[in-house]
Amino acid sequence: MELKEKKILVTGGAGFLGKFVIEKLIGRGVATENIFIPREAEFDLRNREQCLRATEGQDIVIHLAGKAGGIGFNRERPGELFYDNIVMGVELMEAARKAGAGKFVGIASVCSYPKFTPVPFREDDLWSGYPEETNAPYGLAKKMLLVQAQAYRAQYGMNAITLFPVNLYGPGDSFDLSRAHVISSLIKKVADAKKENNGFIEAWGSGKPTREFLYVEDAAEGIALAAEKYDKPEPVNLGSGKEISIKELAETICRLMDFRGELRWDASKPDGQPRRQLDVSRAEKEFGFKAKTDFETGLKKTIEWYMSNN
């Protein structure tokens, strides 16, 4: 699909990931006046009429908007995370169908995978068990994008695709500890400890779980490529294909920020899913996506952005 002349709705287009997706669309020749970002103050995407208003006249809908956060945020607001995410997805895709949009690009989450999934996670394993409990409501709500997309393709012939990115990081991420993910949370804790001359930082859990991270600009490129080139019902992982323990991650951030204090692990806090690493071969095969940003390079850029903006 040639994007250049299309009218494109990008929900969450002013957010962390959305800003980079907008850059990728403009880089492909999409005129800024053809990109519509529905602002939260004007469009409640849980409301059917407002979704219909947002999708009217749009050729492509890229649905990035969602409510998300780290383990603590998921534990505190499971009902809110389930309701807001599932209703936004359901109403927006139905509105896009009624508006005759030529394509719907849904962004799900690695949290949708079962708690104990063979590593690396293959897309065929999405239904082999229940997600990790602390983020199950969020993960299942996001996974319903896949169910709806496949159902709408089967009944209405709608060109709807679903992508499953891993944990994202990069400049512009949320560093609010009440909802931050692990990388931004650790960067803020180290920066605060240095500023206040504290000799330690405290991290959640044991440090043993592993995670995979994808630099936000790489994720945006993957989404743009899928919008252009992918047109199948099967879900597609977006990731770097590289796994790191939380302990090693914390030590790396301390080293890059020249923090020589103690790392204390609060074992009373949950670890979350034991391991996360995606099989990313389908994305490369289907639309030529492969992450380009070296992990330490991405961390340095994220740290530099935070220190310059805070």
Protein backbone atom coordinates (compact mmCIF):
# COMPACT_ATOMS: atom_id res chain seq x y z
CA MET A 1 0.00 0.00 0.00
CA GLU A 2 1.41 3.36 -1.03
CA LEU A 3 1.07 5.70 1.96
CA LYS A 4 1.99 8.95 0.24
CA GLU A 5 -1.48 10.05 -0.86
CA LYS A 6 -3.42 8.49 2.00
CA LYS A 7 -5.32 10.18 4.80
CA ILE A 8 -4.07 8.55 7.98
CA LEU A 9 -5.57 8.61 11.47
CA VAL A 10 -2.97 7.94 14.20
CA THR A 11 -4.45 7.53 17.66
CA GLY A 12 -1.86 8.29 20.30
CA GLY A 13 0.03 10.24 17.64
CA ALA A 14 1.19 12.86 20.15
CA GLY A 15 2.52 10.22 22.55
CA PHE A 16 5.86 8.53 23.13
CA LEU A 17 5.64 6.08 20.22
CA GLY A 18 3.24 8.17 18.17
CA LYS A 19 5.65 11.06 17.62
CA PHE A 20 8.15 8.70 16.01
CA VAL A 21 5.46 7.02 13.88
CA ILE A 22 4.42 10.46 12.60
CA GLU A 23 8.06 11.16 11.65
CA LYS A 24 8.24 7.88 9.72
CA LEU A 25 5.02 8.67 7.85
CA ILE A 26 6.22 12.14 6.91
CA GLY A 27 9.53 10.62 5.83
CA ARG A 28 7.54 8.46 3.42
CA GLY A 29 5.99 11.51 1.81
CA VAL A 30 2.72 11.70 3.73
CA ALA A 31 1.65 15.34 3.95
CA THR A 32 1.19 16.65 7.48
CA GLU A 33 -2.31 17.84 6.59
CA ASN A 34 -3.20 14.22 5.73
CA ILE A 35 -2.27 12.97 9.21
CA PHE A 36 -4.98 13.32 11.85
CA ILE A 37 -4.20 12.93 15.56
CA PRO A 38 -7.36 12.82 17.68
CA ARG A 39 -6.58 14.59 20.95
CA GLU A 40 -7.87 13.12 24.19
CA ALA A 41 -9.52 16.41 25.19
CA GLU A 42 -11.68 16.32 22.06
CA PHE A 43 -12.11 12.60 21.35
CA ASP A 44 -12.90 9.94 23.93
CA LEU A 45 -12.09 6.79 21.96
CA ARG A 46 -14.21 4.71 24.33
CA ASN A 47 -17.24 6.50 22.85
CA ARG A 48 -18.73 5.12 19.63
CA GLU A 49 -19.94 8.42 18.23
CA GLN A 50 -16.58 10.07 18.80
CA CYS A 51 -14.77 7.15 17.13
CA LEU A 52 -17.09 7.50 14.14
CA ARG A 53 -16.30 11.21 13.99
CA ALA A 54 -12.54 10.54 14.20
CA THR A 55 -12.47 7.88 11.46
CA GLU A 56 -14.68 9.67 8.94
CA GLY A 57 -12.85 10.11 5.63
CA GLN A 58 -9.70 8.28 6.75
CA ASP A 59 -7.96 5.76 4.48
CA ILE A 60 -5.78 4.15 7.15
CA VAL A 61 -6.18 3.91 10.93
CA ILE A 62 -3.07 3.25 13.04
CA HIS A 63 -4.20 2.57 16.61
CA LEU A 64 -1.40 3.35 19.06
CA ALA A 65 -3.48 4.85 21.85
CA GLY A 66 -3.82 2.92 25.05
CA LYS A 67 -3.51 3.07 28.81
CA ALA A 68 -0.39 1.31 30.06
CA GLY A 69 2.27 1.32 32.77
CA GLY A 70 4.68 -0.80 34.76
CA ILE A 71 3.94 -3.64 37.17
CA GLY A 72 2.83 -1.29 39.97
CA PHE A 73 0.42 0.58 37.71
CA ASN A 74 -1.04 -2.72 36.48
CA ARG A 75 -1.55 -3.97 40.05
CA GLU A 76 -3.31 -0.78 41.10
CA ARG A 77 -5.66 -0.36 38.09
CA PRO A 78 -6.45 -3.72 36.48
CA GLY A 79 -10.12 -2.92 35.83
CA GLU A 80 -9.35 0.46 34.30
CA LEU A 81 -6.63 -0.99 32.09
CA PHE A 82 -8.90 -3.78 30.88
CA TYR A 83 -11.94 -1.59 30.20
CA ASP A 84 -10.22 1.38 28.60
CA ASN A 85 -8.03 -0.68 26.28
CA ILE A 86 -10.61 -3.20 25.15
CA VAL A 87 -13.36 -0.63 24.55
CA MET A 88 -11.05 1.72 22.64
CA GLY A 89 -9.98 -1.10 20.35
CA VAL A 90 -13.48 -2.47 19.76
CA GLU A 91 -15.11 0.90 19.08
CA LEU A 92 -12.32 2.27 16.91
CA MET A 93 -12.09 -0.79 14.65
CA GLU A 94 -15.87 -0.90 14.23
CA ALA A 95 -15.85 2.81 13.38
CA ALA A 96 -13.02 2.29 10.88
CA ARG A 97 -15.02 -0.50 9.24
CA LYS A 98 -18.12 1.68 8.98
CA ALA A 99 -16.04 4.56 7.61
CA GLY A 100 -14.65 2.30 4.89
CA ALA A 101 -11.03 2.71 5.93
CA GLY A 102 -8.72 0.75 3.64
CA LYS A 103 -6.53 -0.55 6.46
CA PHE A 104 -6.48 -0.86 10.24
CA VAL A 105 -3.15 -1.33 12.03
CA GLY A 106 -3.65 -2.52 15.61
CA ILE A 107 -0.84 -2.40 18.18
CA ALA A 108 -1.18 -5.09 20.84
CA SER A 109 1.47 -6.00 23.47
CA VAL A 110 4.03 -8.59 24.52
CA CYS A 111 2.00 -8.71 27.77
CA SER A 112 -0.59 -10.71 25.83
CA TYR A 113 1.67 -13.78 25.76
CA PRO A 114 1.20 -16.61 28.27
CA LYS A 115 3.20 -16.37 31.49
CA PHE A 116 5.20 -19.47 30.65
CA THR A 117 5.89 -19.26 26.93
CA PRO A 118 8.78 -21.18 25.32
CA VAL A 119 11.61 -18.77 24.49
CA PRO A 120 11.76 -17.21 21.95
CA PHE A 121 8.05 -16.37 21.88
CA ARG A 122 6.53 -17.39 18.56
CA GLU A 123 3.26 -15.86 17.39
CA ASP A 124 1.70 -19.34 17.35
CA ASP A 125 2.18 -19.50 21.14
CA LEU A 126 -0.17 -16.58 21.87
CA TRP A 127 -3.01 -18.88 22.89
CA SER A 128 -1.06 -21.57 24.74
CA GLY A 129 -1.77 -20.27 28.26
CA TYR A 130 -2.82 -17.40 30.53
CA PRO A 131 -0.73 -14.20 30.74
CA GLU A 132 1.33 -13.25 33.80
CA GLU A 133 -1.20 -12.29 36.46
CA THR A 134 -0.11 -8.71 37.20
CA ASN A 135 -0.62 -7.58 33.61
CA ALA A 136 -3.19 -10.12 32.40
CA PRO A 137 -6.14 -7.67 32.24
CA TYR A 138 -4.10 -5.28 30.07
CA GLY A 139 -2.56 -8.04 27.97
CA LEU A 140 -5.86 -9.79 27.28
CA ALA A 141 -7.61 -6.52 26.41
CA LYS A 142 -4.89 -5.74 23.86
CA LYS A 143 -5.04 -9.28 22.46
CA MET A 144 -8.69 -8.75 21.61
CA LEU A 145 -7.47 -6.48 18.80
CA LEU A 146 -6.21 -9.65 17.13
CA VAL A 147 -9.51 -11.50 17.65
CA GLN A 148 -11.52 -8.60 16.27
CA ALA A 149 -9.15 -8.02 13.34
CA GLN A 150 -9.33 -11.66 12.28
CA ALA A 151 -13.11 -11.76 12.71
CA TYR A 152 -13.60 -8.57 10.69
CA ARG A 153 -11.29 -9.83 7.97
CA ALA A 154 -13.25 -13.09 7.79
CA GLN A 155 -16.73 -11.51 7.71
CA TYR A 156 -16.20 -8.10 6.11
CA GLY A 157 -12.94 -8.52 4.18
CA MET A 158 -11.44 -5.73 6.27
CA ASN A 159 -7.70 -5.27 5.88
CA ALA A 160 -6.87 -5.34 9.60
CA ILE A 161 -3.47 -6.39 10.95
CA THR A 162 -2.15 -6.79 14.50
CA LEU A 163 1.39 -6.20 15.73
CA PHE A 164 2.84 -7.35 19.06
CA PRO A 165 5.76 -5.14 20.15
CA VAL A 166 8.00 -5.86 23.14
CA ASN A 167 8.80 -3.31 25.84
CA LEU A 168 9.73 0.00 24.22
CA TYR A 169 12.25 2.55 25.46
CA GLY A 170 13.81 5.76 24.23
CA PRO A 171 13.67 9.57 24.34
CA GLY A 172 10.29 10.93 25.38
CA ASP A 173 9.28 7.93 27.49
CA SER A 174 7.37 8.44 30.74
CA PHE A 175 9.68 8.81 33.75
CA ASP A 176 6.85 9.15 36.25
CA LEU A 177 7.59 6.39 38.78
CA SER A 178 3.87 5.80 39.36
CA ARG A 179 3.54 4.38 35.83
CA ALA A 180 7.03 4.15 34.30
CA HIS A 181 8.41 0.94 32.82
CA VAL A 182 11.66 -0.59 34.03
CA ILE A 183 14.22 1.31 31.91
CA SER A 184 12.82 4.79 32.50
CA SER A 185 12.20 3.94 36.15
CA LEU A 186 15.82 2.87 36.71
CA ILE A 187 17.20 5.90 34.87
CA LYS A 188 15.16 8.24 37.07
CA LYS A 189 16.14 6.41 40.27
CA VAL A 190 19.84 6.62 39.41
CA ALA A 191 19.58 10.29 38.43
CA ASP A 192 17.74 11.10 41.68
CA ALA A 193 20.28 9.15 43.76
CA LYS A 194 23.16 11.06 42.19
CA LYS A 195 21.43 14.39 42.67
CA GLU A 196 20.64 13.67 46.32
CA ASN A 197 23.99 11.94 47.03
CA ASN A 198 22.28 8.69 48.00
CA GLY A 199 24.55 5.67 48.18
CA PHE A 200 21.99 3.20 46.82
CA ILE A 201 18.97 2.71 44.62
CA GLU A 202 16.18 0.22 45.16
CA ALA A 203 14.82 -1.96 42.36
CA TRP A 204 11.79 -4.22 42.34
CA GLY A 205 11.95 -8.01 42.59
CA SER A 206 14.98 -10.27 42.40
CA GLY A 207 16.60 -9.03 39.20
CA LYS A 208 16.44 -12.52 37.74
CA PRO A 209 13.68 -12.14 35.13
CA THR A 210 14.69 -11.31 31.59
CA ARG A 211 13.25 -8.81 29.17
CA GLU A 212 13.65 -7.80 25.56
CA PHE A 213 13.59 -4.13 24.61
CA LEU A 214 12.98 -2.31 21.34
CA TYR A 215 14.16 1.25 20.72
CA VAL A 216 11.14 3.44 20.03
CA GLU A 217 12.36 4.68 16.64
CA ASP A 218 12.88 1.10 15.48
CA ALA A 219 9.35 0.23 16.63
CA ALA A 220 7.98 3.17 14.64
CA GLU A 221 9.80 1.96 11.52
CA GLY A 222 8.33 -1.51 11.98
CA ILE A 223 4.82 -0.09 12.25
CA ALA A 224 5.26 2.05 9.14
CA LEU A 225 6.62 -0.91 7.18
CA ALA A 226 3.68 -3.09 8.26
CA ALA A 227 1.23 -0.35 7.26
CA GLU A 228 2.82 -0.31 3.80
CA LYS A 229 3.50 -3.97 3.18
CA TYR A 230 1.66 -6.41 5.47
CA ASP A 231 -1.82 -7.69 4.68
CA LYS A 232 -2.42 -11.02 6.45
CA PRO A 233 -4.50 -12.17 9.42
CA GLU A 234 -1.59 -13.67 11.37
CA PRO A 235 -0.13 -11.60 14.24
CA VAL A 236 3.44 -10.31 13.95
CA ASN A 237 6.01 -9.73 16.69
CA LEU A 238 8.07 -6.55 16.72
CA GLY A 239 11.27 -6.78 18.73
CA SER A 240 15.04 -6.84 18.76
CA GLY A 241 15.30 -10.58 19.40
CA LYS A 242 17.76 -9.99 22.29
CA GLU A 243 17.21 -10.86 25.93
CA ILE A 244 18.76 -9.28 29.06
CA SER A 245 18.17 -9.90 32.77
CA ILE A 246 16.80 -7.06 34.87
CA LYS A 247 19.93 -7.32 37.05
CA GLU A 248 22.23 -6.86 34.07
CA LEU A 249 20.03 -4.05 32.78
CA ALA A 250 20.25 -2.21 36.12
CA GLU A 251 24.02 -2.68 36.27
CA THR A 252 24.37 -1.39 32.70
CA ILE A 253 22.35 1.75 33.44
CA CYS A 254 24.42 2.38 36.59
CA ARG A 255 27.62 2.03 34.56
CA LEU A 256 26.42 4.31 31.76
CA MET A 257 25.35 6.94 34.31
CA ASP A 258 28.54 6.55 36.36
CA PHE A 259 26.65 5.58 39.50
CA ARG A 260 28.81 3.55 41.86
CA GLY A 261 26.35 3.09 44.68
CA GLU A 262 24.60 -0.07 45.83
CA LEU A 263 21.82 -1.85 43.97
CA ARG A 264 19.27 -3.12 46.48
CA TRP A 265 16.60 -5.58 45.38
CA ASP A 266 13.19 -5.46 47.06
CA ALA A 267 12.11 -9.10 46.98
CA SER A 268 8.70 -8.19 48.42
CA LYS A 269 7.82 -6.70 45.02
CA PRO A 270 6.79 -8.95 42.11
CA ASP A 271 9.14 -10.01 39.33
CA GLY A 272 6.45 -10.22 36.67
CA GLN A 273 6.84 -12.64 33.77
CA PRO A 274 9.93 -14.88 34.20
CA ARG A 275 11.32 -14.40 30.68
CA ARG A 276 10.59 -12.39 27.56
CA GLN A 277 12.22 -12.76 24.19
CA LEU A 278 10.47 -12.75 20.84
CA ASP A 279 10.97 -14.71 17.68
CA VAL A 280 11.19 -11.80 15.26
CA SER A 281 11.63 -13.78 12.03
CA ARG A 282 8.08 -13.25 10.75
CA ALA A 283 8.44 -9.45 10.67
CA GLU A 284 11.66 -9.69 8.70
CA LYS A 285 10.20 -12.23 6.29
CA GLU A 286 6.87 -10.49 5.70
CA PHE A 287 7.84 -6.82 5.52
CA GLY A 288 11.60 -6.59 5.94
CA PHE A 289 11.71 -5.26 9.49
CA LYS A 290 14.84 -5.73 11.58
CA ALA A 291 15.79 -3.61 14.61
CA LYS A 292 18.84 -1.46 13.92
CA THR A 293 19.64 0.32 17.19
CA ASP A 294 22.31 -1.24 19.40
CA PHE A 295 20.97 -1.58 22.95
CA GLU A 296 23.67 0.43 24.71
CA THR A 297 23.44 3.13 22.05
CA GLY A 298 19.69 3.35 22.63
CA LEU A 299 20.19 3.49 26.41
CA LYS A 300 22.72 6.33 26.05
CA LYS A 301 20.30 8.32 23.89
CA THR A 302 17.52 7.75 26.41
CA ILE A 303 19.72 8.79 29.35
CA GLU A 304 20.95 11.88 27.49
CA TRP A 305 17.38 12.89 26.66
CA TYR A 306 16.27 12.50 30.28
CA MET A 307 19.20 14.44 31.69
CA SER A 308 18.66 17.25 29.17
CA ASN A 309 14.92 17.50 29.78
CA ASN A 310 14.76 17.02 33.54
